[in-house]
Protein backbone atom coordinates (compact mmCIF):
# COMPACT_ATOMS: atom_id res chain seq x y z
CA UNK A 1 -13.72 4.53 -2.19
CA UNK A 2 -12.39 6.30 -5.27
CA UNK A 3 -12.49 10.08 -5.35
CA UNK A 4 -13.23 11.59 -8.78
CA UNK A 5 -10.72 14.06 -10.16
CA UNK A 6 -11.97 17.59 -10.54
CA UNK A 7 -13.59 18.65 -13.80
CA UNK A 8 -11.22 19.62 -16.60
CA UNK A 9 -11.74 20.73 -20.17
CA UNK A 10 -10.80 17.67 -22.30
CA UNK A 11 -9.60 19.93 -25.14
CA UNK A 12 -7.41 22.20 -23.02
CA UNK A 13 -3.82 21.29 -22.11
CA UNK A 14 -3.29 21.04 -18.38
CA UNK A 15 0.36 22.02 -18.81
CA UNK A 16 1.94 23.66 -21.84
CA UNK A 17 5.63 24.44 -22.05
CA UNK A 18 6.17 26.67 -25.08
CA UNK A 19 9.76 26.79 -26.37
CA UNK A 20 11.30 26.67 -22.88
CA UNK A 21 15.00 27.21 -22.33
CA UNK A 22 16.91 27.27 -19.04
CA UNK A 23 20.48 28.56 -18.81
CA UNK A 24 22.60 28.50 -15.65
CA UNK A 25 25.73 30.54 -14.93
CA UNK A 26 28.58 28.47 -13.54
CA UNK A 27 31.24 29.55 -11.07
CA UNK A 28 33.89 29.11 -13.70
CA UNK A 29 34.86 31.86 -16.14
CA UNK A 30 35.33 35.52 -15.35
CA UNK A 31 33.00 38.06 -13.77
CA UNK A 32 32.15 39.63 -17.11
CA UNK A 33 32.34 36.44 -19.15
CA UNK A 34 30.87 33.64 -17.02
CA UNK A 35 30.53 30.18 -18.47
CA UNK A 36 26.96 29.13 -19.21
CA UNK A 37 25.27 25.74 -19.01
CA UNK A 38 22.26 25.29 -21.30
CA UNK A 39 20.28 22.82 -19.21
CA UNK A 40 17.13 22.97 -21.38
CA UNK A 41 16.95 24.25 -24.95
CA UNK A 42 13.78 24.91 -26.92
CA UNK A 43 11.54 22.36 -25.19
CA UNK A 44 7.82 22.31 -26.02
CA UNK A 45 5.56 19.86 -24.17
CA UNK A 46 1.77 19.69 -24.08
CA UNK A 47 0.08 17.51 -21.42
CA UNK A 48 -3.57 16.76 -22.16
CA UNK A 49 -6.21 15.56 -19.64
CA UNK A 50 -5.94 11.86 -18.89
CA UNK A 51 -2.56 11.53 -20.58
CA UNK A 52 0.71 10.21 -19.15
CA UNK A 53 3.89 11.53 -20.72
CA UNK A 54 7.13 9.78 -19.88
CA UNK A 55 10.31 11.87 -20.05
CA UNK A 56 13.43 9.75 -20.23
CA UNK A 57 17.16 10.36 -20.53
CA UNK A 58 20.43 9.95 -18.70
CA UNK A 59 21.47 12.08 -15.73
CA UNK A 60 22.12 15.66 -16.83
CA UNK A 61 19.89 15.47 -19.91
CA UNK A 62 17.57 18.22 -18.63
CA UNK A 63 14.55 16.15 -17.66
CA UNK A 64 14.46 17.17 -13.98
CA UNK A 65 15.06 20.83 -14.85
CA UNK A 66 12.10 20.58 -17.22
CA UNK A 67 9.99 19.12 -14.39
CA UNK A 68 11.09 21.94 -12.07
CA UNK A 69 9.89 24.48 -14.64
CA UNK A 70 6.54 22.70 -14.81
CA UNK A 71 5.96 22.78 -11.06
CA UNK A 72 7.34 26.28 -10.48
CA UNK A 73 10.62 25.41 -8.76
CA UNK A 74 12.63 26.84 -11.67
CA UNK A 75 11.90 29.93 -13.77
CA UNK A 76 12.66 29.54 -17.48
CA UNK A 77 15.29 31.76 -19.06
CA UNK A 78 13.04 32.07 -22.11
CA UNK A 79 9.74 30.65 -23.33
CA UNK A 80 6.29 30.54 -21.74
CA UNK A 81 4.56 28.23 -19.26
CA UNK A 82 0.78 27.78 -19.24
CA UNK A 83 -1.46 25.99 -16.76
CA UNK A 84 -4.96 25.45 -18.16
CA UNK A 85 -4.49 28.38 -20.60
CA UNK A 86 -3.22 30.73 -17.86
CA UNK A 87 0.26 32.16 -18.39
CA UNK A 88 2.21 31.31 -15.22
CA UNK A 89 5.70 32.00 -16.54
CA UNK A 90 6.31 34.76 -13.98
CA UNK A 91 4.63 33.47 -10.89
CA UNK A 92 3.09 35.60 -8.17
CA UNK A 93 2.17 34.14 -4.80
CA UNK A 94 -1.45 33.96 -5.93
CA UNK A 95 -0.48 32.07 -9.08
CA UNK A 96 1.64 29.62 -7.09
CA UNK A 97 -1.35 28.95 -4.85
CA UNK A 98 -3.60 28.28 -7.84
CA UNK A 99 -0.95 26.08 -9.44
CA UNK A 100 -0.80 24.00 -6.27
CA UNK A 101 -4.43 23.06 -6.87
CA UNK A 102 -3.78 22.04 -10.49
CA UNK A 103 -0.50 20.11 -10.29
CA UNK A 104 1.13 18.15 -7.46
CA UNK A 105 4.61 16.65 -7.29
CA UNK A 106 5.85 13.24 -6.15
CA UNK A 107 9.58 13.38 -5.51
CA UNK A 108 12.23 10.69 -5.80
CA UNK A 109 12.91 10.05 -2.12
CA UNK A 110 9.90 10.05 0.23
CA UNK A 111 12.24 9.96 3.22
CA UNK A 112 13.29 13.54 2.49
CA UNK A 113 9.98 14.70 0.95
CA UNK A 114 7.99 13.93 4.11
CA UNK A 115 8.35 15.74 7.44
CA UNK A 116 9.96 13.18 9.78
CA UNK A 117 8.26 14.74 12.83
CA UNK A 118 4.68 14.67 11.52
CA UNK A 119 2.46 11.60 11.68
CA UNK A 120 0.88 10.53 8.39
CA UNK A 121 -2.53 12.01 9.25
CA UNK A 122 -1.00 15.46 9.69
CA UNK A 123 1.04 15.09 6.47
CA UNK A 124 -2.20 14.49 4.54
CA UNK A 125 -4.09 17.24 6.36
CA UNK A 126 -1.45 19.91 5.77
CA UNK A 127 -2.25 20.68 2.08
CA UNK A 128 -5.93 21.11 2.94
CA UNK A 129 -5.09 23.51 5.75
CA UNK A 130 -2.72 25.54 3.55
CA UNK A 131 -5.37 25.89 0.83
CA UNK A 132 -8.25 26.20 3.33
CA UNK A 133 -10.15 23.28 1.82
CA UNK A 134 -13.19 21.83 3.59
CA UNK A 135 -14.52 21.68 7.12
CA UNK A 136 -12.80 19.62 9.81
CA UNK A 137 -15.23 16.77 9.20
CA UNK A 138 -14.70 16.92 5.42
CA UNK A 139 -10.95 16.94 5.91
CA UNK A 140 -11.09 13.83 8.09
CA UNK A 141 -13.26 12.09 5.48
CA UNK A 142 -10.78 13.03 2.76
CA UNK A 143 -7.84 11.69 4.81
CA UNK A 144 -9.67 8.35 5.19
CA UNK A 145 -10.33 8.30 1.44
CA UNK A 146 -6.69 9.01 0.65
CA UNK A 147 -5.22 6.14 2.68
CA UNK A 148 -7.77 3.82 1.08
CA UNK A 149 -6.93 5.21 -2.36
CA UNK A 150 -3.22 4.34 -2.05
CA UNK A 151 -3.70 1.02 -0.26
CA UNK A 152 -2.46 1.94 3.20
CA UNK A 153 -4.01 0.59 6.42
CA UNK A 154 -5.74 3.17 8.60
CA UNK A 155 -3.25 2.35 11.34
CA UNK A 156 -0.60 4.09 9.21
CA UNK A 157 -2.25 7.44 9.98
CA UNK A 158 -0.73 7.37 13.48
CA UNK A 159 2.77 6.48 12.28
CA UNK A 160 5.77 8.69 11.66
CA UNK A 161 7.52 8.30 8.27
CA UNK A 162 10.50 6.61 9.95
CA UNK A 163 8.20 3.85 11.20
CA UNK A 164 7.11 2.95 7.66
CA UNK A 165 8.80 1.01 4.88
CA UNK A 166 10.10 2.80 1.79
CA UNK A 167 7.13 1.66 -0.26
CA UNK A 168 4.68 2.80 2.40
CA UNK A 169 6.37 6.21 2.60
CA UNK A 170 6.04 6.64 -1.16
CA UNK A 171 2.34 5.73 -0.88
CA UNK A 172 2.00 8.49 1.73
CA UNK A 173 3.74 10.91 -0.62
CA UNK A 174 1.35 9.95 -3.43
CA UNK A 175 -1.65 10.31 -1.11
CA UNK A 176 -0.47 13.78 -0.09
CA UNK A 177 -0.05 14.74 -3.75
CA UNK A 178 -3.66 13.63 -4.34
CA UNK A 179 -5.08 15.51 -1.33
CA UNK A 180 -6.33 18.51 -3.35
CA UNK A 181 -7.61 16.40 -6.26
CA UNK A 182 -5.12 17.83 -8.77
CA UNK A 183 -5.58 17.59 -12.50
CA UNK A 184 -2.03 16.26 -12.93
CA UNK A 185 0.90 14.79 -11.02
CA UNK A 186 4.57 15.29 -11.82
CA UNK A 187 6.41 12.16 -10.68
CA UNK A 188 10.18 12.74 -10.71
CA UNK A 189 11.96 9.37 -10.44
CA UNK A 190 9.32 8.16 -7.94
CA UNK A 191 10.53 4.55 -7.89
CA UNK A 192 14.31 4.82 -8.21
CA UNK A 193 14.88 4.81 -4.43
CA UNK A 194 12.85 1.60 -3.98
CA UNK A 195 13.78 -2.03 -4.43
CA UNK A 196 12.51 -3.86 -7.49
CA UNK A 197 9.43 -5.60 -6.06
CA UNK A 198 8.22 -2.44 -4.30
CA UNK A 199 8.90 -0.46 -7.47
CA UNK A 200 6.41 -2.67 -9.30
CA UNK A 201 3.75 -2.03 -6.65
CA UNK A 202 4.15 1.75 -6.86
CA UNK A 203 3.99 1.69 -10.67
CA UNK A 204 0.82 -0.39 -10.49
CA UNK A 205 -0.65 2.10 -8.01
CA UNK A 206 0.10 5.05 -10.30
CA UNK A 207 -1.40 3.17 -13.24
CA UNK A 208 -4.56 2.45 -11.22
CA UNK A 209 -4.88 6.12 -10.25
CA UNK A 210 -4.52 7.13 -13.88
CA UNK A 211 -7.20 4.66 -14.95
CA UNK A 212 -9.70 5.20 -12.13
CA UNK A 213 -9.43 8.98 -11.74
CA UNK A 214 -8.55 10.10 -15.25
CA UNK A 215 -5.39 11.58 -13.79
CA UNK A 216 -2.78 13.18 -16.02
CA UNK A 217 0.87 12.54 -15.26
CA UNK A 218 4.39 13.54 -16.17
CA UNK A 219 6.57 10.55 -15.31
CA UNK A 220 10.33 11.19 -15.28
CA UNK A 221 12.90 8.40 -15.21
CA UNK A 222 16.30 7.35 -16.49
CA UNK A 223 14.91 3.85 -17.09
CA UNK A 224 13.21 3.72 -20.48
CA UNK A 225 11.61 0.35 -19.72
CA UNK A 226 9.83 1.78 -16.68
CA UNK A 227 8.68 4.75 -18.73
CA UNK A 228 7.34 2.41 -21.38
CA UNK A 229 5.18 0.56 -18.87
CA UNK A 230 3.31 3.59 -17.56
CA UNK A 231 3.31 6.13 -20.42
CA UNK A 232 1.00 6.88 -23.33
CA UNK A 233 3.61 9.08 -24.96
CA UNK A 234 7.39 9.16 -24.51
CA UNK A 235 9.76 12.10 -24.81
CA UNK A 236 13.48 11.31 -25.02
CA UNK A 237 15.83 14.10 -23.94
CA UNK A 238 19.56 14.47 -24.54
CA UNK A 239 21.77 17.50 -23.84
CA UNK A 240 18.73 19.59 -22.85
CA UNK A 241 16.79 18.95 -26.05
CA UNK A 242 13.97 16.66 -27.13
CA UNK A 243 15.54 14.22 -29.58
CA UNK A 244 12.55 11.90 -30.02
CA UNK A 245 8.85 12.00 -29.22
CA UNK A 246 5.98 9.66 -30.00
CA UNK A 247 3.62 7.03 -28.67
CA UNK A 248 5.21 4.49 -26.35
CA UNK A 249 4.64 1.80 -28.96
CA UNK A 250 6.26 3.79 -31.78
CA UNK A 251 9.28 4.87 -29.76
CA UNK A 252 9.98 1.27 -28.75
CA UNK A 253 9.21 -0.44 -32.02
CA UNK A 254 10.41 2.22 -34.46
CA UNK A 255 12.96 4.53 -32.78
CA UNK A 256 14.49 7.05 -35.17
CA UNK A 257 17.17 8.75 -33.07
CA UNK A 258 20.52 7.11 -32.39
CA UNK A 259 20.41 8.15 -28.72
CA UNK A 260 17.00 6.48 -28.24
CA UNK A 261 18.36 3.32 -29.85
CA UNK A 262 21.33 3.37 -27.48
CA UNK A 263 19.00 3.70 -24.46
CA UNK A 264 16.92 0.78 -25.64
CA UNK A 265 19.98 -1.33 -26.26
CA UNK A 266 21.86 -0.49 -23.08
CA UNK A 267 19.15 -0.50 -20.41
CA UNK A 268 17.71 -3.86 -19.37
CA UNK A 269 14.33 -3.69 -17.69
CA UNK A 270 14.45 -2.77 -14.02
CA UNK A 271 10.87 -3.92 -13.58
CA UNK A 272 9.74 -6.95 -11.69
CA UNK A 273 7.99 -9.74 -13.66
CA UNK A 274 4.80 -9.14 -11.64
CA UNK A 275 4.18 -6.07 -13.78
CA UNK A 276 3.43 -8.28 -16.71
CA UNK A 277 4.64 -5.60 -19.13
């Protein structure tokens, strides 16, 4: 049984990064003149309801730092962050709580993202307890909906993460991210730790969630072919900056930046033929 996503204003961005920059101090240099690393420089991204934006680039290009700013794990050095028109750049505990209802995160490695000592049922229940959502009966109904939503058998609810396959663990992580019916999901390299055939299944699942629930998504990957399959719009990052942005079709058929062209030429598809992309 599909669970409808919560109501959102179709004309209001779910996430807006406005001219975001992130600068880190390194351990090199002197006390008064430390060396600086400009991880993100002048990035503006607007995620609309129902849209999937793919952010692609090589390791160190700034895409994961950008994702961390979106989900509150990293404060920007400059610029503003908005969630549904609310300025959340400087986040209080109350703002973090509200943000947790709007945006959820699916991390790269479910083996480390899930608590190895909690059975799957408790992993899915935990977000509802933290946010005090629903009665005990409603919570149990939601847990049953979630395992159905991500294609897991109900027997998985009694399993520990270590008793599941990598693909099943990532399905649990996706189900947990969906527990509070967020408006958007940030998926940071969610398939890179999986083998090719399982990768295809997880991408198909995310595509189904997008279609059936009207879910918005930020999908981050180093593989531009994977990004192409799932995204409406693609952002290419290099050296902390956006070097190209456009519809998936335009970026692939008419790339304008030399770096984008090099990504397209150098990266064979890592997808399985069952994706049919």
